[in-house]
Amino acid sequence: MKKKIIRNPFHTARDATKRPTGKRNAPASSATNGHSTVANETSGLLPLGSTESGLTAEFVNPASTPTAILKCVACIVLYLCLAVLAFSVVFESWSITDALYYAVVTFTTIGYGDLSPSTTPGKIFAIMFSLFGVAIVGVALGIVGEMVVEAQEEAAHKLKEEGKKRVMAMVKNNKMKGNESDDIRPNGDIEEEKSLWEDLVGLIKADGALLVLIVLCAVGIGHFEGWDLIDSLYYCAITTTTIGYGDLSPHGEGTRLFAVVFLPLAVVVLGKVLGGVASVYIDRKTRKAEKEFLSRELTMEDLAVMDEDGDGSVQMGEFLSFMLVAMQKVSAEEIEELKELFRTLDADGGGTLQKEDLMILAKRKSDQNIGADM
């Protein structure tokens, strides 16, 4: 698998031709093989193009890796197996289907109340079983559910990008009328000012297929349970919102087995949709506040606050740090952690990162390894 490299967005052609100040220029003879390596004077330095991970390698969210997904699935399977062992063999005499159904109703917090342990040991076990289900399996289910809906979101994003490209092609071919400066951003994106209602409709369209699937599954359960359409829709709403009154719940062996798959899917989908509705409103308010913030005038007081090193001028790094914290994109603590990391990597204290720093760090690591072996 080819490693993805993240480029510095602030790096320009002018920067590439200018040597940073504060450190001596390295002799040209320090690079070999047509400048194909960083340096080889000291062992431990990695050549350019190395498959080893560096700071420019893509950051991978542990929650979205295949290993995390497998662990989540294993956690859920273990929970279901534990339910079968406890309630079908040890404490109760339920069928395997009822034990699985009880486990799903428990960790989704729906809690119909149509099935519960009757023995004292079974109730004692259910105390820990329910806490384990909500605290651990619920988190695992959330991660798996997020991965399930990501595919649909990616497909919707691709459709939007394709539509944007078609519009831009029309602009380039002079097939659109009017002045494009008011409708198109400098980076080529279409400036779209949508109303709150349009954003909500767009959200429903994006998740419409999953919502229809959930409703159809609930209606299917209602059909086999003998419910009418209103009762089926009522059951769907009470279930997906995890209210679970218990006045309507599946009792057939087949419908309960189907509910083992349906209930987690329904809870995840509706939770995503309701969370998206809240995000639409909050995001609109956030964008409006950010636009107003960025339109403010720069004052002398602002310069004094941004000037962290007190040299009377504000460098780009100081400006970016201040703005990111002020706009609540990151916290001041996170910025300070990154600065501390930079200071650690800046081995010679010159204020920039160069191959000399790598050589010093590699030598320190080598000396530490030698000292540990002695």
Protein backbone atom coordinates (compact mmCIF):
# COMPACT_ATOMS: atom_id res chain seq x y z
CA MET A 1 0.00 0.00 0.00
CA LYS A 2 1.47 3.32 -1.05
CA LYS A 3 1.93 5.78 1.80
CA LYS A 4 -0.04 8.99 1.49
CA ILE A 5 2.02 12.12 2.08
CA ILE A 6 0.43 15.23 3.55
CA ARG A 7 1.80 18.42 1.98
CA ASN A 8 2.27 21.58 3.98
CA PRO A 9 -0.50 23.93 2.78
CA PHE A 10 1.62 26.99 3.56
CA HIS A 11 4.61 25.83 1.52
CA THR A 12 5.08 27.84 -1.67
CA ALA A 13 7.53 27.91 -4.53
CA ARG A 14 9.18 30.95 -2.97
CA ASP A 15 9.72 29.02 0.27
CA ALA A 16 11.34 26.18 -1.65
CA THR A 17 14.04 28.43 -3.02
CA LYS A 18 14.82 30.21 0.26
CA ARG A 19 16.98 28.71 2.95
CA PRO A 20 15.68 29.21 6.49
CA THR A 21 17.72 31.47 8.70
CA GLY A 22 19.19 30.61 12.07
CA LYS A 23 21.24 27.60 10.94
CA ARG A 24 24.22 27.09 8.73
CA ASN A 25 23.70 25.75 5.24
CA ALA A 26 24.64 22.11 4.95
CA PRO A 27 27.39 21.27 2.48
CA ALA A 28 26.22 19.87 -0.79
CA SER A 29 28.36 16.80 -0.31
CA SER A 30 26.22 15.62 2.61
CA ALA A 31 23.60 14.22 0.25
CA THR A 32 24.22 11.18 -1.92
CA ASN A 33 22.60 9.41 -4.84
CA GLY A 34 21.34 12.60 -6.41
CA HIS A 35 19.99 13.96 -3.11
CA SER A 36 17.93 10.80 -2.60
CA THR A 37 18.63 10.63 1.12
CA VAL A 38 18.32 13.11 3.94
CA ALA A 39 21.82 12.37 5.17
CA ASN A 40 23.95 9.33 5.79
CA GLU A 41 26.72 10.71 7.98
CA THR A 42 25.01 9.29 11.04
CA SER A 43 23.29 5.94 11.27
CA GLY A 44 19.58 5.93 11.99
CA LEU A 45 18.48 8.51 9.41
CA LEU A 46 15.72 7.38 7.08
CA PRO A 47 16.11 7.96 3.32
CA LEU A 48 13.60 9.97 1.34
CA GLY A 49 10.75 7.74 0.21
CA SER A 50 11.22 5.39 3.14
CA THR A 51 8.21 3.29 4.07
CA GLU A 52 8.76 4.12 7.74
CA SER A 53 6.16 6.47 9.23
CA GLY A 54 7.11 10.13 9.66
CA LEU A 55 5.22 13.28 10.57
CA THR A 56 4.22 13.75 6.91
CA ALA A 57 2.61 10.31 6.75
CA GLU A 58 -1.16 10.23 6.86
CA PHE A 59 -2.65 10.33 10.36
CA VAL A 60 -4.87 7.30 10.85
CA ASN A 61 -7.76 7.49 13.28
CA PRO A 62 -7.57 4.30 15.39
CA ALA A 63 -11.37 4.12 15.50
CA SER A 64 -11.60 3.76 11.69
CA THR A 65 -8.97 1.06 11.18
CA PRO A 66 -9.90 -2.53 10.21
CA THR A 67 -8.41 -3.71 13.49
CA ALA A 68 -10.77 -1.47 15.48
CA ILE A 69 -13.75 -2.72 13.50
CA LEU A 70 -12.77 -6.33 14.08
CA LYS A 71 -12.42 -5.66 17.80
CA CYS A 72 -15.86 -4.07 17.88
CA VAL A 73 -17.45 -6.98 16.05
CA ALA A 74 -15.65 -9.43 18.34
CA CYS A 75 -16.91 -7.52 21.37
CA ILE A 76 -20.51 -7.68 20.17
CA VAL A 77 -20.23 -11.38 19.28
CA LEU A 78 -18.73 -12.11 22.70
CA TYR A 79 -21.60 -10.24 24.36
CA LEU A 80 -24.20 -12.22 22.40
CA CYS A 81 -22.47 -15.53 23.18
CA LEU A 82 -22.36 -14.60 26.86
CA ALA A 83 -26.09 -13.91 26.76
CA VAL A 84 -26.80 -17.31 25.21
CA LEU A 85 -24.62 -19.09 27.77
CA ALA A 86 -26.10 -17.24 30.74
CA PHE A 87 -29.79 -17.15 29.88
CA SER A 88 -30.16 -20.32 27.82
CA VAL A 89 -27.94 -22.63 29.86
CA VAL A 90 -26.99 -21.33 33.31
CA PHE A 91 -29.60 -19.00 34.84
CA GLU A 92 -32.71 -19.31 32.67
CA SER A 93 -34.12 -21.76 30.16
CA TRP A 94 -34.71 -19.40 27.25
CA SER A 95 -34.27 -20.34 23.65
CA ILE A 96 -31.15 -19.12 21.85
CA THR A 97 -33.26 -16.66 19.87
CA ASP A 98 -34.78 -15.19 23.06
CA ALA A 99 -31.35 -14.86 24.64
CA LEU A 100 -30.00 -13.02 21.59
CA TYR A 101 -33.11 -10.85 21.46
CA TYR A 102 -32.76 -9.96 25.15
CA ALA A 103 -29.11 -9.04 24.68
CA VAL A 104 -29.88 -6.69 21.77
CA VAL A 105 -32.83 -5.07 23.56
CA THR A 106 -30.53 -4.53 26.54
CA PHE A 107 -27.46 -2.95 24.94
CA THR A 108 -29.54 -0.74 22.64
CA THR A 109 -31.33 0.46 25.82
CA ILE A 110 -34.74 -0.09 24.19
CA GLY A 111 -35.90 -2.29 27.06
CA TYR A 112 -39.35 -3.45 25.97
CA GLY A 113 -39.84 -5.40 29.21
CA ASP A 114 -41.37 -8.35 27.40
CA LEU A 115 -38.47 -10.58 28.40
CA SER A 116 -36.51 -10.39 31.65
CA PRO A 117 -34.76 -12.81 34.05
CA SER A 118 -36.98 -14.43 36.64
CA THR A 119 -34.43 -16.13 38.90
CA THR A 120 -32.39 -14.34 41.57
CA PRO A 121 -29.01 -15.44 40.13
CA GLY A 122 -30.23 -14.35 36.70
CA LYS A 123 -31.15 -10.90 38.00
CA ILE A 124 -27.78 -10.54 39.74
CA PHE A 125 -26.01 -11.46 36.52
CA ALA A 126 -28.23 -9.06 34.56
CA ILE A 127 -26.96 -6.15 36.67
CA MET A 128 -23.40 -6.55 35.42
CA PHE A 129 -24.58 -7.74 32.00
CA SER A 130 -26.60 -4.58 31.37
CA LEU A 131 -23.82 -2.26 32.55
CA PHE A 132 -21.30 -4.06 30.37
CA GLY A 133 -23.65 -3.89 27.40
CA VAL A 134 -24.37 -0.18 27.63
CA ALA A 135 -20.82 0.90 28.48
CA ILE A 136 -18.77 -1.32 26.18
CA VAL A 137 -20.90 -2.95 23.52
CA GLY A 138 -22.81 0.30 22.98
CA VAL A 139 -19.54 2.06 22.10
CA ALA A 140 -18.55 -0.77 19.79
CA LEU A 141 -21.95 -0.64 18.11
CA GLY A 142 -21.57 3.08 17.58
CA ILE A 143 -18.23 2.63 15.83
CA VAL A 144 -19.56 -0.13 13.60
CA GLY A 145 -22.68 1.87 12.83
CA GLU A 146 -20.60 4.89 11.86
CA MET A 147 -18.64 2.76 9.43
CA VAL A 148 -21.87 1.44 7.93
CA VAL A 149 -23.19 4.91 7.08
CA GLU A 150 -19.82 6.26 5.91
CA ALA A 151 -20.16 4.46 2.58
CA GLN A 152 -23.44 6.25 1.86
CA GLU A 153 -22.01 9.63 2.86
CA GLU A 154 -19.00 9.11 0.61
CA ALA A 155 -21.26 8.23 -2.32
CA ALA A 156 -23.33 11.38 -1.74
CA HIS A 157 -20.16 13.48 -1.55
CA LYS A 158 -18.93 12.06 -4.86
CA LEU A 159 -22.22 12.92 -6.54
CA LYS A 160 -21.98 16.49 -5.23
CA GLU A 161 -18.39 16.85 -6.44
CA GLU A 162 -19.30 15.53 -9.88
CA GLY A 163 -22.13 18.03 -10.13
CA LYS A 164 -19.78 20.83 -9.07
CA LYS A 165 -17.26 19.83 -11.74
CA ARG A 166 -19.95 19.89 -14.42
CA VAL A 167 -21.00 23.40 -13.39
CA MET A 168 -17.39 24.59 -13.38
CA ALA A 169 -16.89 23.12 -16.85
CA MET A 170 -19.85 25.15 -18.02
CA VAL A 171 -18.31 28.28 -16.53
CA LYS A 172 -15.01 27.68 -18.28
CA ASN A 173 -16.79 27.17 -21.58
CA ASN A 174 -18.71 30.43 -21.13
CA LYS A 175 -22.02 28.62 -20.96
CA MET A 176 -23.11 30.31 -17.76
CA LYS A 177 -24.42 33.83 -17.71
CA GLY A 178 -23.66 36.57 -15.20
CA ASN A 179 -20.64 37.53 -13.19
CA GLU A 180 -19.02 34.48 -11.65
CA SER A 181 -17.15 36.44 -9.00
CA ASP A 182 -20.21 36.64 -6.75
CA ASP A 183 -21.12 32.98 -7.17
CA ILE A 184 -17.77 31.25 -7.18
CA ARG A 185 -15.12 31.31 -4.51
CA PRO A 186 -11.46 31.98 -5.37
CA ASN A 187 -10.63 28.27 -5.03
CA GLY A 188 -13.24 27.32 -7.61
CA ASP A 189 -15.98 26.11 -5.27
CA ILE A 190 -19.55 27.17 -5.85
CA GLU A 191 -20.77 29.61 -3.23
CA GLU A 192 -24.16 28.31 -2.13
CA GLU A 193 -26.20 30.14 0.46
CA LYS A 194 -28.87 27.66 1.48
CA SER A 195 -31.69 28.18 3.89
CA LEU A 196 -32.08 26.05 7.02
CA TRP A 197 -34.97 24.22 5.38
CA GLU A 198 -32.85 23.40 2.32
CA ASP A 199 -30.10 22.02 4.55
CA LEU A 200 -32.59 19.83 6.39
CA VAL A 201 -34.10 18.58 3.14
CA GLY A 202 -30.62 17.77 1.90
CA LEU A 203 -29.94 15.81 5.07
CA ILE A 204 -33.15 13.82 4.67
CA LYS A 205 -32.30 13.09 1.04
CA ALA A 206 -28.84 11.88 1.99
CA ASP A 207 -30.19 9.49 4.64
CA GLY A 208 -33.54 8.83 2.98
CA ALA A 209 -32.64 5.36 1.71
CA LEU A 210 -31.66 4.15 5.18
CA LEU A 211 -34.77 5.69 6.76
CA VAL A 212 -37.01 3.99 4.21
CA LEU A 213 -35.23 0.69 4.88
CA ILE A 214 -35.84 1.02 8.62
CA VAL A 215 -39.54 1.80 8.11
CA LEU A 216 -39.96 -1.14 5.71
CA CYS A 217 -38.29 -3.48 8.19
CA ALA A 218 -40.63 -2.30 10.97
CA VAL A 219 -43.64 -2.73 8.71
CA GLY A 220 -42.41 -6.22 7.86
CA ILE A 221 -42.19 -7.12 11.54
CA GLY A 222 -45.67 -5.70 12.03
CA HIS A 223 -47.01 -7.79 9.16
CA PHE A 224 -45.81 -11.05 10.70
CA GLU A 225 -46.99 -9.97 14.16
CA GLY A 226 -50.45 -9.09 12.84
CA TRP A 227 -50.24 -5.34 13.46
CA ASP A 228 -51.87 -2.74 11.25
CA LEU A 229 -49.88 -0.01 9.49
CA ILE A 230 -50.34 2.58 12.25
CA ASP A 231 -49.18 0.15 14.91
CA SER A 232 -46.17 -0.78 12.78
CA LEU A 233 -45.18 2.87 12.35
CA TYR A 234 -45.78 3.47 16.05
CA TYR A 235 -43.55 0.49 16.89
CA CYS A 236 -40.88 1.86 14.53
CA ALA A 237 -40.87 5.29 16.22
CA ILE A 238 -40.89 3.93 19.77
CA THR A 239 -38.11 1.47 18.94
CA THR A 240 -35.73 3.69 16.98
CA THR A 241 -35.91 6.40 19.65
CA THR A 242 -35.14 3.68 22.28
CA ILE A 243 -38.23 4.68 24.29
CA GLY A 244 -39.49 1.09 24.27
CA TYR A 245 -42.84 1.28 26.08
CA GLY A 246 -43.28 -2.47 25.67
CA ASP A 247 -46.91 -2.33 24.55
CA LEU A 248 -45.79 -3.50 21.10
CA SER A 249 -42.85 -5.85 20.69
CA PRO A 250 -42.10 -8.91 18.56
CA HIS A 251 -43.15 -12.23 20.09
CA GLY A 252 -42.64 -14.67 17.23
CA GLU A 253 -39.45 -16.70 17.00
CA GLY A 254 -38.74 -15.44 13.49
CA THR A 255 -39.47 -11.77 14.18
CA ARG A 256 -37.34 -11.79 17.30
CA LEU A 257 -34.46 -13.31 15.39
CA PHE A 258 -34.88 -10.63 12.73
CA ALA A 259 -34.99 -7.97 15.48
CA VAL A 260 -31.51 -9.03 16.59
CA VAL A 261 -30.22 -7.38 13.41
CA PHE A 262 -32.94 -4.75 12.96
CA LEU A 263 -32.82 -3.09 16.40
CA PRO A 264 -29.13 -2.04 16.40
CA LEU A 265 -29.38 -0.82 12.80
CA ALA A 266 -32.54 1.19 13.53
CA VAL A 267 -31.08 2.85 16.62
CA VAL A 268 -27.84 3.79 14.84
CA VAL A 269 -29.58 5.20 11.76
CA LEU A 270 -32.08 7.36 13.62
CA GLY A 271 -29.38 8.53 16.02
CA LYS A 272 -27.28 9.62 13.06
CA VAL A 273 -30.21 11.45 11.44
CA LEU A 274 -31.22 13.27 14.63
CA GLY A 275 -27.60 14.14 15.31
CA GLY A 276 -27.34 15.46 11.76
CA VAL A 277 -30.37 17.69 12.27
CA ALA A 278 -28.76 19.22 15.34
CA SER A 279 -25.45 19.58 13.50
CA VAL A 280 -27.10 21.44 10.60
CA TYR A 281 -28.44 24.11 12.92
CA ILE A 282 -25.26 24.37 14.99
CA ASP A 283 -23.01 24.43 11.92
CA ARG A 284 -25.01 27.29 10.40
CA LYS A 285 -24.66 29.32 13.58
CA THR A 286 -20.95 28.48 13.76
CA ARG A 287 -20.30 29.52 10.15
CA LYS A 288 -22.15 32.79 10.70
CA ALA A 289 -20.16 33.52 13.85
CA GLU A 290 -16.88 32.68 12.09
CA LYS A 291 -17.76 34.93 9.15
CA GLU A 292 -18.48 37.81 11.50
CA PHE A 293 -15.28 37.11 13.44
CA LEU A 294 -13.11 37.09 10.31
CA SER A 295 -14.64 40.36 9.10
CA ARG A 296 -13.40 42.28 12.13
CA GLU A 297 -10.71 44.92 11.77
CA LEU A 298 -7.19 44.20 12.98
CA THR A 299 -6.21 46.46 15.90
CA MET A 300 -2.99 47.32 17.68
CA GLU A 301 -4.26 45.40 20.70
CA ASP A 302 -4.68 42.32 18.50
CA LEU A 303 -1.07 42.61 17.34
CA ALA A 304 0.13 42.85 20.94
CA VAL A 305 -1.79 39.72 21.93
CA MET A 306 -0.66 37.74 18.86
CA ASP A 307 2.99 38.70 19.31
CA GLU A 308 3.98 35.77 21.52
CA ASP A 309 7.75 36.32 21.41
CA GLY A 310 7.47 40.07 21.96
CA ASP A 311 9.63 41.05 18.97
CA GLY A 312 7.18 43.71 17.82
CA SER A 313 5.90 41.77 14.79
CA VAL A 314 3.47 38.90 14.23
CA GLN A 315 4.78 35.95 12.22
CA MET A 316 2.47 33.65 10.26
CA GLY A 317 2.85 30.89 12.87
CA GLU A 318 1.80 33.26 15.65
CA PHE A 319 -1.18 34.45 13.62
CA LEU A 320 -2.30 30.91 12.81
CA SER A 321 -1.97 29.76 16.42
CA PHE A 322 -3.99 32.70 17.70
CA MET A 323 -6.73 32.39 15.07
CA LEU A 324 -7.13 28.62 15.46
CA VAL A 325 -7.54 28.99 19.22
CA ALA A 326 -9.77 32.07 18.93
CA MET A 327 -12.08 30.29 16.46
CA GLN A 328 -12.10 27.23 18.76
CA LYS A 329 -10.71 24.94 16.09
CA VAL A 330 -8.10 23.71 18.57
CA SER A 331 -7.37 24.38 22.22
CA ALA A 332 -4.46 26.41 23.55
CA GLU A 333 -3.19 23.23 25.23
CA GLU A 334 -3.07 21.39 21.90
CA ILE A 335 -1.13 24.24 20.29
CA GLU A 336 1.32 24.21 23.19
CA GLU A 337 1.77 20.42 22.85
CA LEU A 338 2.67 20.86 19.17
CA LYS A 339 5.09 23.65 20.01
CA GLU A 340 6.71 21.45 22.63
CA LEU A 341 7.05 18.70 20.03
CA PHE A 342 8.73 21.16 17.67
CA ARG A 343 11.14 22.27 20.38
CA THR A 344 11.99 18.63 21.07
CA LEU A 345 12.70 17.94 17.40
CA ASP A 346 14.69 21.17 17.05
CA ALA A 347 17.73 19.49 18.56
CA ASP A 348 20.19 22.35 18.04
CA GLY A 349 17.73 25.08 19.07
CA GLY A 350 18.04 26.99 15.80
CA GLY A 351 14.33 27.60 15.41
CA THR A 352 13.94 25.48 12.27
CA LEU A 353 13.95 21.76 11.48
CA GLN A 354 16.74 20.60 9.16
CA LYS A 355 18.72 17.45 8.53
CA GLU A 356 21.26 18.53 11.17
CA ASP A 357 18.49 18.06 13.75
CA LEU A 358 17.85 14.55 12.45
CA MET A 359 21.54 13.75 12.71
CA ILE A 360 21.70 15.01 16.31
CA LEU A 361 18.57 13.09 17.31
CA ALA A 362 19.84 9.93 15.61
CA LYS A 363 23.17 10.24 17.43
CA ARG A 364 21.38 10.72 20.76
CA LYS A 365 19.28 7.65 20.11
CA SER A 366 22.37 5.67 19.14
CA ASP A 367 24.19 6.78 22.31
CA GLN A 368 21.17 5.81 24.42
CA ASN A 369 21.08 2.35 22.82
CA ILE A 370 24.81 1.90 23.45
CA GLY A 371 24.39 2.99 27.06
CA ALA A 372 21.49 0.59 27.57
CA ASP A 373 23.55 -2.33 26.21
CA MET A 374 26.48 -1.63 28.51
